[in-house]
Amino acid sequence: MSLTYRPAYEQTWEVDDLFYQRVEEACKSLYIESLKDLPPDVRTALKKAYQKEQLESGKEILATLIETVEKADQEKLLICQDTGIPIYWIKVGNQVRFDGLLLEQAIRKGTERATLEHPLRSSICNTLTRKNHGTSTGKSVPVLHYEFVEGNVIEVLIIPKGSGSENMSYLSMLTPAAGIEGIKKYVLECVFESGANPCPPTIVGIGIGGSSDLCATLAKKAAARPVGSANPDPEVNALERELYELINQLGIGAHGLGGNTTALAVHIESADTHMTMNPVAVNMMCWPARRMRAIFTQHNEAEIMY
């Protein structure tokens, strides 16, 4: 058997040692700033939720959340005391040549430095002994996900995922006979069962299809999407919109105390699956849906954005 190799790209970027230093510095900043600076789309969604909230107590809670964000801006404070479990999504262009181990080490070192030099509360501990490592890192933490795309850019997105919302994670291997109605029923049951635990109003991330592990990853990816973004698949987008309406009819409301805003958004990511399977996963983002990214190119400093 012979293999066919594509010719080298003219714009191939062979990274140097300086690149890994840039990643380390950027990840230090990403972790700190993501905990303090709420993305504009989430801010807008909170204000819209306040404007349309009909329950007076719900309005008061949403006003308090908005005030919390403003106070964090003024005083350069963390929006929430939970620094979360650091999760990174790394998008790599196919024209970039790099050492994956050195990249992971740089991300880990940047995370540690953010925790020790800021300083931040470290939440990561040994699962069995519960010993806290004090660095926001540990075995297989930070959690790293990779996506490969065309181009000569590397993008690193951090999601410091708080335990309140992450504990409310669900996966079910439904039968094909359950169909779309079964998916909708399961998602509604998960959100209702979660109640106030994920600090609503939430971004509800849903994964459908794939294998069990891929489905759960898709749900996490969906939860990290900007509020207002729509799945490009018309059928999936229609399901997003329908579930958004249904979830906000549950009456859970902000912090679980009632109201017509339980979810700021509902996002779905999908994959094909085995013909005898119908997997669905739910992963929710708490109201301070924190995220921040750095984009690296060959000749410029890292560009930091939401």
Protein backbone atom coordinates (compact mmCIF):
# COMPACT_ATOMS: atom_id res chain seq x y z
CA MET A 1 0.00 0.00 0.00
CA SER A 2 1.34 3.45 -0.91
CA LEU A 3 0.65 6.73 0.85
CA THR A 4 0.07 10.02 -0.92
CA TYR A 5 1.54 13.08 0.77
CA ARG A 6 0.34 16.58 0.10
CA PRO A 7 3.01 19.14 -0.86
CA ALA A 8 4.19 21.52 1.84
CA TYR A 9 2.19 24.74 2.17
CA GLU A 10 3.95 27.93 1.17
CA GLN A 11 2.63 29.61 4.34
CA THR A 12 3.55 26.81 6.74
CA TRP A 13 4.42 28.17 10.20
CA GLU A 14 7.13 26.24 12.01
CA VAL A 15 6.81 27.52 15.57
CA ASP A 16 9.93 28.38 17.59
CA ASP A 17 10.71 28.33 21.31
CA LEU A 18 9.42 31.89 21.68
CA PHE A 19 5.95 30.72 20.66
CA TYR A 20 5.63 28.46 23.71
CA GLN A 21 6.64 31.37 25.95
CA ARG A 22 3.90 33.43 24.31
CA VAL A 23 1.38 30.67 24.99
CA GLU A 24 2.42 30.48 28.65
CA GLU A 25 2.06 34.23 29.15
CA ALA A 26 -1.25 34.33 27.28
CA CYS A 27 -2.73 31.43 29.28
CA LYS A 28 -1.75 33.15 32.51
CA SER A 29 -3.66 36.25 31.37
CA LEU A 30 -6.57 34.24 29.94
CA TYR A 31 -7.23 32.43 33.21
CA ILE A 32 -7.11 35.60 35.32
CA GLU A 33 -9.07 37.86 32.99
CA SER A 34 -11.73 35.28 32.13
CA LEU A 35 -12.62 35.15 35.84
CA LYS A 36 -13.07 38.93 35.98
CA ASP A 37 -14.47 40.02 32.62
CA LEU A 38 -17.82 38.67 31.44
CA PRO A 39 -18.21 38.42 27.63
CA PRO A 40 -20.36 41.15 26.02
CA ASP A 41 -22.92 38.67 24.67
CA VAL A 42 -23.60 37.35 28.19
CA ARG A 43 -23.90 40.89 29.57
CA THR A 44 -26.43 41.75 26.86
CA ALA A 45 -28.40 38.55 27.49
CA LEU A 46 -28.64 39.34 31.23
CA LYS A 47 -29.97 42.83 30.50
CA LYS A 48 -32.51 41.48 28.03
CA ALA A 49 -33.60 38.89 30.59
CA TYR A 50 -34.08 41.67 33.15
CA GLN A 51 -36.18 43.72 30.74
CA LYS A 52 -38.55 40.86 29.89
CA GLU A 53 -38.76 39.30 33.37
CA GLN A 54 -42.32 39.54 34.70
CA LEU A 55 -41.85 38.26 38.25
CA GLU A 56 -40.73 41.06 40.56
CA SER A 57 -38.45 38.84 42.66
CA GLY A 58 -36.88 37.49 39.48
CA LYS A 59 -36.26 41.03 38.31
CA GLU A 60 -34.54 41.87 41.59
CA ILE A 61 -32.23 38.87 41.32
CA LEU A 62 -31.29 39.66 37.73
CA ALA A 63 -30.62 43.28 38.75
CA THR A 64 -28.29 41.95 41.46
CA LEU A 65 -26.42 39.78 38.93
CA ILE A 66 -25.94 42.76 36.63
CA GLU A 67 -24.74 44.84 39.59
CA THR A 68 -22.26 42.08 40.48
CA VAL A 69 -20.72 42.27 37.01
CA GLU A 70 -20.48 46.07 37.21
CA LYS A 71 -18.83 45.86 40.63
CA ALA A 72 -16.31 43.33 39.30
CA ASP A 73 -15.51 45.74 36.47
CA GLN A 74 -15.01 48.68 38.82
CA GLU A 75 -12.91 46.88 41.41
CA LYS A 76 -11.16 44.39 39.08
CA LEU A 77 -12.64 41.57 41.15
CA LEU A 78 -13.53 37.98 40.31
CA ILE A 79 -17.18 37.66 39.27
CA CYS A 80 -17.49 34.42 41.27
CA GLN A 81 -15.31 32.92 44.01
CA ASP A 82 -15.23 29.58 42.17
CA THR A 83 -12.20 29.65 39.87
CA GLY A 84 -13.53 26.49 38.26
CA ILE A 85 -11.79 23.61 36.56
CA PRO A 86 -9.67 25.08 33.73
CA ILE A 87 -10.79 23.72 30.38
CA TYR A 88 -9.06 24.71 27.14
CA TRP A 89 -10.22 24.32 23.55
CA ILE A 90 -7.25 24.47 21.18
CA LYS A 91 -7.98 25.12 17.51
CA VAL A 92 -4.95 24.43 15.31
CA GLY A 93 -4.50 25.37 11.67
CA ASN A 94 -3.25 22.62 9.37
CA GLN A 95 -0.38 24.84 8.18
CA VAL A 96 1.14 25.08 11.68
CA ARG A 97 3.91 22.72 12.76
CA PHE A 98 4.38 22.48 16.52
CA ASP A 99 5.36 20.19 19.40
CA GLY A 100 2.12 19.12 21.10
CA LEU A 101 3.86 18.21 24.36
CA LEU A 102 5.55 21.63 24.62
CA LEU A 103 2.22 23.30 23.87
CA GLU A 104 0.49 21.41 26.68
CA GLN A 105 3.33 22.20 29.07
CA ALA A 106 3.05 25.92 28.23
CA ILE A 107 -0.71 25.91 28.86
CA ARG A 108 -0.22 24.10 32.15
CA LYS A 109 2.56 26.47 33.26
CA GLY A 110 0.46 29.52 32.39
CA THR A 111 -2.42 28.13 34.45
CA GLU A 112 -0.16 27.48 37.42
CA ARG A 113 1.37 30.96 37.24
CA ALA A 114 -2.05 32.62 37.12
CA THR A 115 -3.02 30.77 40.30
CA LEU A 116 0.20 31.46 42.20
CA GLU A 117 1.00 34.98 40.98
CA HIS A 118 -2.47 36.58 41.03
CA PRO A 119 -3.19 34.71 43.37
CA LEU A 120 -6.32 32.66 42.66
CA ARG A 121 -8.05 30.05 44.79
CA SER A 122 -7.00 26.61 43.58
CA SER A 123 -9.94 24.23 43.34
CA ILE A 124 -8.19 21.17 41.88
CA CYS A 125 -7.55 18.22 44.16
CA ASN A 126 -6.76 14.52 44.02
CA THR A 127 -10.04 12.70 43.43
CA LEU A 128 -9.39 10.02 46.08
CA THR A 129 -7.32 11.77 48.76
CA ARG A 130 -8.92 15.22 48.14
CA LYS A 131 -5.47 16.83 48.57
CA ASN A 132 -5.47 20.24 46.89
CA HIS A 133 -2.52 20.77 44.58
CA GLY A 134 -2.60 24.55 45.08
CA THR A 135 -1.90 25.28 41.40
CA SER A 136 -5.28 24.76 39.65
CA THR A 137 -3.59 21.86 37.89
CA GLY A 138 -3.35 18.13 38.51
CA LYS A 139 -3.53 14.78 36.75
CA SER A 140 -5.15 15.45 33.34
CA VAL A 141 -5.99 19.01 34.46
CA PRO A 142 -6.14 21.45 32.72
CA VAL A 143 -8.57 19.60 30.48
CA LEU A 144 -7.57 20.00 26.84
CA HIS A 145 -9.68 19.57 23.71
CA TYR A 146 -8.26 19.87 20.20
CA GLU A 147 -9.86 20.86 16.91
CA PHE A 148 -7.98 20.97 13.59
CA VAL A 149 -8.94 23.45 10.89
CA GLU A 150 -7.48 25.01 7.76
CA GLY A 151 -5.06 27.91 8.12
CA ASN A 152 -1.89 28.97 9.91
CA VAL A 153 -3.35 30.21 13.19
CA ILE A 154 -3.58 28.67 16.66
CA GLU A 155 -6.49 29.66 18.90
CA VAL A 156 -6.65 28.85 22.62
CA LEU A 157 -9.99 29.26 24.39
CA ILE A 158 -10.31 28.91 28.16
CA ILE A 159 -13.51 28.01 29.99
CA PRO A 160 -13.06 28.13 33.78
CA LYS A 161 -16.01 25.84 34.54
CA GLY A 162 -17.53 26.23 37.99
CA SER A 163 -18.59 23.11 39.89
CA GLY A 164 -22.21 24.22 40.39
CA SER A 165 -22.95 23.97 36.69
CA GLU A 166 -20.48 21.18 35.92
CA ASN A 167 -22.04 18.93 38.58
CA MET A 168 -25.30 19.26 36.66
CA SER A 169 -24.04 17.24 33.68
CA TYR A 170 -26.03 14.45 32.14
CA LEU A 171 -25.67 11.70 29.53
CA SER A 172 -28.22 9.17 28.35
CA MET A 173 -28.00 6.57 25.62
CA LEU A 174 -31.58 6.78 24.40
CA THR A 175 -33.01 4.30 21.95
CA PRO A 176 -33.62 5.31 18.33
CA ALA A 177 -37.33 4.76 18.97
CA ALA A 178 -37.27 7.65 21.47
CA GLY A 179 -36.59 9.97 18.52
CA ILE A 180 -36.51 13.76 18.75
CA GLU A 181 -39.38 13.78 21.26
CA GLY A 182 -37.31 11.60 23.58
CA ILE A 183 -34.39 14.03 23.28
CA LYS A 184 -36.62 16.98 24.16
CA LYS A 185 -38.17 15.15 27.11
CA TYR A 186 -34.76 14.16 28.48
CA VAL A 187 -33.32 17.69 28.20
CA LEU A 188 -36.33 19.18 30.00
CA GLU A 189 -36.07 16.58 32.76
CA CYS A 190 -32.36 17.39 33.23
CA VAL A 191 -32.94 21.14 33.47
CA PHE A 192 -35.89 20.69 35.83
CA GLU A 193 -33.97 18.26 38.05
CA SER A 194 -31.01 20.67 38.19
CA GLY A 195 -33.17 23.45 39.61
CA ALA A 196 -31.09 26.17 41.24
CA ASN A 197 -27.86 24.13 41.39
CA PRO A 198 -26.22 25.40 38.18
CA CYS A 199 -26.85 29.07 39.15
CA PRO A 200 -29.47 29.95 36.53
CA PRO A 201 -30.13 31.63 34.21
CA THR A 202 -27.88 29.19 32.38
CA ILE A 203 -26.62 28.49 28.91
CA VAL A 204 -27.86 24.97 28.23
CA GLY A 205 -25.41 23.02 26.11
CA ILE A 206 -26.72 19.89 24.42
CA GLY A 207 -24.83 17.22 22.53
CA ILE A 208 -26.63 14.74 20.30
CA GLY A 209 -25.17 11.82 18.40
CA GLY A 210 -21.71 10.30 18.22
CA SER A 211 -20.45 7.94 20.92
CA SER A 212 -20.93 8.52 24.64
CA ASP A 213 -17.65 10.42 25.03
CA LEU A 214 -18.11 12.49 21.88
CA CYS A 215 -21.69 13.34 22.84
CA ALA A 216 -20.58 14.70 26.22
CA THR A 217 -17.82 16.72 24.54
CA LEU A 218 -20.31 18.18 22.07
CA ALA A 219 -22.52 19.32 24.95
CA LYS A 220 -19.53 21.11 26.55
CA LYS A 221 -18.67 22.70 23.21
CA ALA A 222 -22.27 23.86 22.80
CA ALA A 223 -22.32 25.41 26.27
CA ALA A 224 -19.24 27.48 25.38
CA ARG A 225 -20.77 29.09 22.30
CA PRO A 226 -21.59 32.83 22.41
CA VAL A 227 -25.15 33.68 23.38
CA GLY A 228 -27.13 34.41 20.24
CA SER A 229 -25.14 32.09 18.00
CA ALA A 230 -27.19 29.59 15.99
CA ASN A 231 -26.35 26.12 14.79
CA PRO A 232 -25.98 26.32 10.98
CA ASP A 233 -28.06 23.16 10.49
CA PRO A 234 -31.70 24.35 10.09
CA GLU A 235 -33.15 21.27 11.81
CA VAL A 236 -30.77 21.56 14.76
CA ASN A 237 -31.39 25.29 15.02
CA ALA A 238 -35.15 24.72 15.06
CA LEU A 239 -34.66 22.30 17.97
CA GLU A 240 -32.52 24.90 19.77
CA ARG A 241 -35.27 27.50 19.48
CA GLU A 242 -38.01 25.09 20.55
CA LEU A 243 -36.10 23.91 23.62
CA TYR A 244 -35.28 27.51 24.56
CA GLU A 245 -38.99 28.31 24.70
CA LEU A 246 -39.86 25.11 26.57
CA ILE A 247 -37.08 25.49 29.16
CA ASN A 248 -38.10 29.07 29.92
CA GLN A 249 -41.63 27.86 30.58
CA LEU A 250 -40.40 25.68 33.48
CA GLY A 251 -40.55 28.65 35.85
CA ILE A 252 -37.24 27.91 37.59
CA GLY A 253 -35.98 31.43 37.02
CA ALA A 254 -32.87 33.25 38.20
CA HIS A 255 -31.17 31.36 41.06
CA GLY A 256 -34.11 28.95 41.05
CA LEU A 257 -36.45 31.39 42.77
CA GLY A 258 -39.00 31.65 39.98
CA GLY A 259 -39.39 33.65 36.82
CA ASN A 260 -39.59 33.33 33.08
CA THR A 261 -35.82 33.31 32.43
CA THR A 262 -34.32 29.94 33.27
CA ALA A 263 -31.96 29.85 30.27
CA LEU A 264 -30.17 32.69 28.53
CA ALA A 265 -29.62 30.41 25.54
CA VAL A 266 -29.91 26.81 24.36
CA HIS A 267 -27.14 25.56 22.08
CA ILE A 268 -26.85 22.18 20.38
CA GLU A 269 -23.88 20.50 18.70
CA SER A 270 -24.46 17.28 16.83
CA ALA A 271 -22.73 14.33 15.20
CA ASP A 272 -23.89 11.27 13.32
CA THR A 273 -24.21 8.09 15.36
CA HIS A 274 -24.69 4.33 15.16
CA MET A 275 -28.05 3.27 13.74
CA THR A 276 -28.96 1.51 17.01
CA MET A 277 -28.02 4.50 19.22
CA ASN A 278 -29.52 7.88 20.13
CA PRO A 279 -27.14 9.55 22.62
CA VAL A 280 -27.93 12.90 24.23
CA ALA A 281 -25.87 14.88 26.75
CA VAL A 282 -26.61 18.07 28.68
CA ASN A 283 -23.97 20.43 30.07
CA MET A 284 -24.96 23.77 31.55
CA MET A 285 -23.00 26.99 31.92
CA CYS A 286 -23.83 29.10 34.99
CA TRP A 287 -24.97 32.71 34.53
CA PRO A 288 -21.37 34.05 34.64
CA ALA A 289 -20.58 32.14 31.44
CA ARG A 290 -16.88 32.91 31.55
CA ARG A 291 -14.64 32.39 28.55
CA MET A 292 -11.73 34.12 26.84
CA ARG A 293 -9.47 33.26 23.93
CA ALA A 294 -6.05 34.08 22.51
CA ILE A 295 -5.27 33.92 18.80
CA PHE A 296 -1.65 33.32 17.79
CA THR A 297 -0.14 34.10 14.41
CA GLN A 298 3.46 33.78 13.30
CA HIS A 299 4.59 37.40 13.50
CA ASN A 300 2.22 39.14 15.92
CA GLU A 301 1.60 39.15 19.64
CA ALA A 302 -1.32 37.07 20.90
CA GLU A 303 -4.66 38.75 20.26
CA ILE A 304 -6.92 38.41 23.32
CA MET A 305 -10.69 38.36 22.77
CA TYR A 306 -13.89 36.75 24.05
